[in-house]
Amino acid sequence: MRKHSVMVGSRVLYYAAQLSHAKRFAQARRAEGMDAYVVPDQTPRPARKVRMNPLTGQPYNRPSTGRRTP
């Protein structure tokens, strides 16, 4: 899970999984007069695994390339 941080100076106020939530929280703190800023999580996203349909043995979201006939 992602950990975007909302900071005031060197102190962490809030961790958020979604960057938009962290930005909204920081904006609310700035409206209250605190000097809050967002530090986005820089770790790479984990690779997504292909989910297989157990009935057909095919992936659920099969790529559409190569299936079209001209």
C-alpha atoms as a PDB file:
ATOM      1  CA  MET A   1       0.000   0.000   0.000  1.00  0.00           C
ATOM      2  CA  ARG A   2       1.177   3.505  -0.773  1.00  0.00           C
ATOM      3  CA  LYS A   3       2.163   5.903   2.036  1.00  0.00           C
ATOM      4  CA  HIS A   4       1.928   9.529   0.966  1.00  0.00           C
ATOM      5  CA  SER A   5       2.837  11.796   3.887  1.00  0.00           C
ATOM      6  CA  VAL A   6       1.490  15.153   4.978  1.00  0.00           C
ATOM      7  CA  MET A   7       4.228  16.934   6.883  1.00  0.00           C
ATOM      8  CA  VAL A   8       4.648  20.074   8.990  1.00  0.00           C
ATOM      9  CA  GLY A   9       8.345  20.751   9.235  1.00  0.00           C
ATOM     10  CA  SER A  10       9.866  17.338   9.995  1.00  0.00           C
ATOM     11  CA  ARG A  11       6.773  15.953  11.751  1.00  0.00           C
ATOM     12  CA  VAL A  12       4.352  13.613   9.970  1.00  0.00           C
ATOM     13  CA  LEU A  13       0.719  14.574  10.499  1.00  0.00           C
ATOM     14  CA  TYR A  14      -1.023  12.090   8.230  1.00  0.00           C
ATOM     15  CA  TYR A  15      -0.345   9.085   5.995  1.00  0.00           C
ATOM     16  CA  ALA A  16      -2.638   8.474   3.025  1.00  0.00           C
ATOM     17  CA  ALA A  17      -2.886   5.646   0.516  1.00  0.00           C
ATOM     18  CA  GLN A  18      -4.190   8.008  -2.173  1.00  0.00           C
ATOM     19  CA  LEU A  19      -2.308  11.133  -3.173  1.00  0.00           C
ATOM     20  CA  SER A  20      -5.518  13.111  -3.667  1.00  0.00           C
ATOM     21  CA  HIS A  21      -6.511  12.451  -0.039  1.00  0.00           C
ATOM     22  CA  ALA A  22      -3.133  13.663   1.194  1.00  0.00           C
ATOM     23  CA  LYS A  23      -3.419  16.828  -0.905  1.00  0.00           C
ATOM     24  CA  ARG A  24      -6.900  17.532   0.432  1.00  0.00           C
ATOM     25  CA  PHE A  25      -5.747  17.020   4.034  1.00  0.00           C
ATOM     26  CA  ALA A  26      -2.764  19.342   3.524  1.00  0.00           C
ATOM     27  CA  GLN A  27      -4.996  21.972   1.935  1.00  0.00           C
ATOM     28  CA  ALA A  28      -7.319  21.858   4.947  1.00  0.00           C
ATOM     29  CA  ARG A  29      -4.378  22.264   7.345  1.00  0.00           C
ATOM     30  CA  ARG A  30      -3.106  25.246   5.307  1.00  0.00           C
ATOM     31  CA  ALA A  31      -6.568  26.819   5.608  1.00  0.00           C
ATOM     32  CA  GLU A  32      -6.176  26.476   9.383  1.00  0.00           C
ATOM     33  CA  GLY A  33      -2.858  28.340   9.244  1.00  0.00           C
ATOM     34  CA  MET A  34      -0.432  25.393   9.443  1.00  0.00           C
ATOM     35  CA  ASP A  35       2.398  25.171   6.919  1.00  0.00           C
ATOM     36  CA  ALA A  36       1.559  21.631   5.725  1.00  0.00           C
ATOM     37  CA  TYR A  37       2.970  20.038   2.586  1.00  0.00           C
ATOM     38  CA  VAL A  38       2.675  16.661   0.843  1.00  0.00           C
ATOM     39  CA  VAL A  39       5.547  14.227   0.306  1.00  0.00           C
ATOM     40  CA  PRO A  40       4.471  11.650  -2.319  1.00  0.00           C
ATOM     41  CA  ASP A  41       5.553   8.029  -1.904  1.00  0.00           C
ATOM     42  CA  GLN A  42       8.380   7.375  -4.392  1.00  0.00           C
ATOM     43  CA  THR A  43       8.531   3.584  -4.131  1.00  0.00           C
ATOM     44  CA  PRO A  44       7.680   1.836  -7.405  1.00  0.00           C
ATOM     45  CA  ARG A  45       4.232   0.326  -7.685  1.00  0.00           C
ATOM     46  CA  PRO A  46       4.073  -3.448  -7.320  1.00  0.00           C
ATOM     47  CA  ALA A  47       3.580  -5.394 -10.541  1.00  0.00           C
ATOM     48  CA  ARG A  48       0.033  -6.567 -11.108  1.00  0.00           C
ATOM     49  CA  LYS A  49      -0.562 -10.275 -11.449  1.00  0.00           C
ATOM     50  CA  VAL A  50      -2.728 -11.695 -14.201  1.00  0.00           C
ATOM     51  CA  ARG A  51      -5.941 -13.168 -12.852  1.00  0.00           C
ATOM     52  CA  MET A  52      -6.942 -16.390 -14.544  1.00  0.00           C
ATOM     53  CA  ASN A  53     -10.525 -17.537 -15.033  1.00  0.00           C
ATOM     54  CA  PRO A  54     -10.667 -21.038 -13.502  1.00  0.00           C
ATOM     55  CA  LEU A  55     -13.428 -22.169 -15.891  1.00  0.00           C
ATOM     56  CA  THR A  56     -11.732 -21.262 -19.169  1.00  0.00           C
ATOM     57  CA  GLY A  57      -8.066 -21.071 -18.183  1.00  0.00           C
ATOM     58  CA  GLN A  58      -7.865 -17.685 -19.925  1.00  0.00           C
ATOM     59  CA  PRO A  59      -7.110 -14.313 -18.330  1.00  0.00           C
ATOM     60  CA  TYR A  60     -10.168 -12.295 -17.282  1.00  0.00           C
ATOM     61  CA  ASN A  61      -9.097  -9.191 -19.219  1.00  0.00           C
ATOM     62  CA  ARG A  62      -7.633 -10.693 -22.333  1.00  0.00           C
ATOM     63  CA  PRO A  63      -5.866  -8.156 -24.572  1.00  0.00           C
ATOM     64  CA  SER A  64      -7.892  -7.320 -27.666  1.00  0.00           C
ATOM     65  CA  THR A  65      -4.859  -7.215 -30.017  1.00  0.00           C
ATOM     66  CA  GLY A  66      -4.717  -9.984 -32.573  1.00  0.00           C
ATOM     67  CA  ARG A  67      -8.344 -11.046 -32.222  1.00  0.00           C
ATOM     68  CA  ARG A  68      -9.810  -8.688 -34.779  1.00  0.00           C
ATOM     69  CA  THR A  69     -10.326  -9.870 -38.332  1.00  0.00           C
ATOM     70  CA  PRO A  70      -9.892  -7.335 -41.142  1.00  0.00           C
END
